[in-house]
Amino acid sequence: MRATTKRITVEITPDDIREGVYRSGDTCPIALAFRRRLNVPAPCVTVCTFTLDAGFRDREGRPLFATFALPKKASAFIKAFDQGHPVRPFSFCLNVPIDCIPEENKRPLYEGGAK
């Protein structure tokens, strides 16, 4: 039986921190890193303090929507970043539906990559 989810690592880089926008759920460093990791366009990812919401297309092109609970260190990062405190690159793991992972689908979910 094929697994339905896969554990992925989301890496927040110095570029994500530099390019991220304070108090912006779709352009914060975590949203930027998640979009890059899964090749998802900008309007399809929103981050709140405790959750990440994402819209995908499966290999047949059907829409998939998922809400992921963020680990405590990601929530702490968001709070610090939004308050203007210094933050550092870090990474965290999420279990993501297999159909949402480009390397599992053997093709990008969206042509043109993340924007």
Protein backbone atom coordinates (compact mmCIF):
# COMPACT_ATOMS: atom_id res chain seq x y z
CA MET A 1 0.00 0.00 0.00
CA ARG A 2 1.36 3.41 -0.97
CA ALA A 3 1.76 6.03 1.73
CA THR A 4 -0.64 8.96 1.52
CA THR A 5 1.69 11.51 3.15
CA LYS A 6 5.39 12.24 3.17
CA ARG A 7 7.43 14.10 5.74
CA ILE A 8 9.14 17.10 4.14
CA THR A 9 11.58 19.64 5.52
CA VAL A 10 10.81 23.33 5.06
CA GLU A 11 14.00 25.41 5.28
CA ILE A 12 13.72 29.12 6.04
CA THR A 13 16.83 30.76 4.55
CA PRO A 14 18.43 34.17 5.08
CA ASP A 15 16.90 35.19 1.71
CA ASP A 16 13.42 34.19 2.96
CA ILE A 17 13.94 36.35 6.05
CA ARG A 18 15.24 39.28 4.02
CA GLU A 19 12.45 39.06 1.40
CA GLY A 20 9.66 38.22 3.85
CA VAL A 21 7.05 40.83 4.74
CA TYR A 22 6.03 41.49 8.35
CA ARG A 23 2.44 40.57 9.25
CA SER A 24 1.77 39.18 5.77
CA GLY A 25 0.45 35.63 5.74
CA ASP A 26 1.24 35.02 2.09
CA THR A 27 4.70 36.64 1.93
CA CYS A 28 6.21 35.87 5.35
CA PRO A 29 9.46 33.86 5.35
CA ILE A 30 7.65 30.59 6.14
CA ALA A 31 5.21 31.05 3.24
CA LEU A 32 8.11 31.84 0.89
CA ALA A 33 10.02 28.73 2.00
CA PHE A 34 6.97 26.45 1.74
CA ARG A 35 6.12 27.77 -1.74
CA ARG A 36 9.70 27.20 -2.89
CA ARG A 37 9.85 23.68 -1.42
CA LEU A 38 6.64 22.53 -3.09
CA ASN A 39 6.64 24.74 -6.20
CA VAL A 40 3.35 26.42 -5.22
CA PRO A 41 2.36 29.91 -6.50
CA ALA A 42 1.94 32.84 -4.13
CA PRO A 43 -1.83 33.12 -3.77
CA CYS A 44 -2.08 29.48 -2.73
CA VAL A 45 -0.23 29.67 0.62
CA THR A 46 -1.23 31.59 3.74
CA VAL A 47 0.48 31.39 7.12
CA CYS A 48 -1.09 32.33 10.44
CA THR A 49 0.56 32.07 13.84
CA PHE A 50 -0.32 28.42 14.33
CA THR A 51 -1.27 27.10 10.88
CA LEU A 52 -0.27 27.05 7.23
CA ASP A 53 -3.07 26.82 4.65
CA ALA A 54 -2.21 25.70 1.13
CA GLY A 55 -4.01 24.97 -2.11
CA PHE A 56 -2.58 22.47 -4.58
CA ARG A 57 -3.54 20.50 -7.65
CA ASP A 58 -3.15 16.74 -7.63
CA ARG A 59 -1.73 14.78 -10.56
CA GLU A 60 -5.16 14.77 -12.25
CA GLY A 61 -5.47 18.54 -11.83
CA ARG A 62 -8.10 18.42 -9.08
CA PRO A 63 -7.83 21.07 -6.36
CA LEU A 64 -6.57 19.96 -2.95
CA PHE A 65 -6.67 22.17 0.13
CA ALA A 66 -4.77 21.43 3.30
CA THR A 67 -4.23 23.05 6.67
CA PHE A 68 -1.04 22.16 8.50
CA ALA A 69 -0.45 22.74 12.20
CA LEU A 70 2.87 24.52 12.58
CA PRO A 71 5.39 23.33 15.17
CA LYS A 72 6.02 25.56 18.19
CA LYS A 73 9.35 26.81 16.84
CA ALA A 74 7.64 28.01 13.64
CA SER A 75 4.94 29.81 15.64
CA ALA A 76 7.61 31.44 17.83
CA PHE A 77 9.48 32.52 14.69
CA ILE A 78 6.33 34.12 13.24
CA LYS A 79 5.62 36.04 16.45
CA ALA A 80 9.21 37.31 16.69
CA PHE A 81 9.39 38.21 12.98
CA ASP A 82 6.05 40.05 13.02
CA GLN A 83 7.16 42.05 16.08
CA GLY A 84 10.37 43.09 14.33
CA HIS A 85 12.70 41.04 16.51
CA PRO A 86 15.82 39.48 14.98
CA VAL A 87 15.27 35.93 13.70
CA ARG A 88 17.58 33.28 12.31
CA PRO A 89 17.21 30.67 9.58
CA PHE A 90 15.77 27.38 10.74
CA SER A 91 13.87 24.38 9.43
CA PHE A 92 10.87 22.31 10.43
CA CYS A 93 9.05 19.25 9.14
CA LEU A 94 5.49 18.75 7.94
CA ASN A 95 3.58 15.69 6.74
CA VAL A 96 2.24 16.62 3.30
CA PRO A 97 -0.12 14.65 1.03
CA ILE A 98 1.95 12.71 -1.53
CA ASP A 99 -0.08 14.19 -4.41
CA CYS A 100 1.14 17.66 -3.39
CA ILE A 101 4.84 16.87 -3.69
CA PRO A 102 6.28 17.55 -7.16
CA GLU A 103 9.03 14.90 -6.98
CA GLU A 104 6.40 12.29 -6.10
CA ASN A 105 4.23 13.38 -9.05
CA LYS A 106 7.25 13.44 -11.38
CA ARG A 107 6.09 16.83 -12.69
CA PRO A 108 5.55 20.34 -11.29
CA LEU A 109 2.17 21.01 -9.73
CA TYR A 110 2.01 24.37 -11.48
CA GLU A 111 3.80 25.23 -14.70
CA GLY A 112 6.32 28.02 -14.25
CA GLY A 113 7.12 27.28 -10.60
CA ALA A 114 6.54 29.42 -7.52
CA LYS A 115 6.06 33.14 -8.08
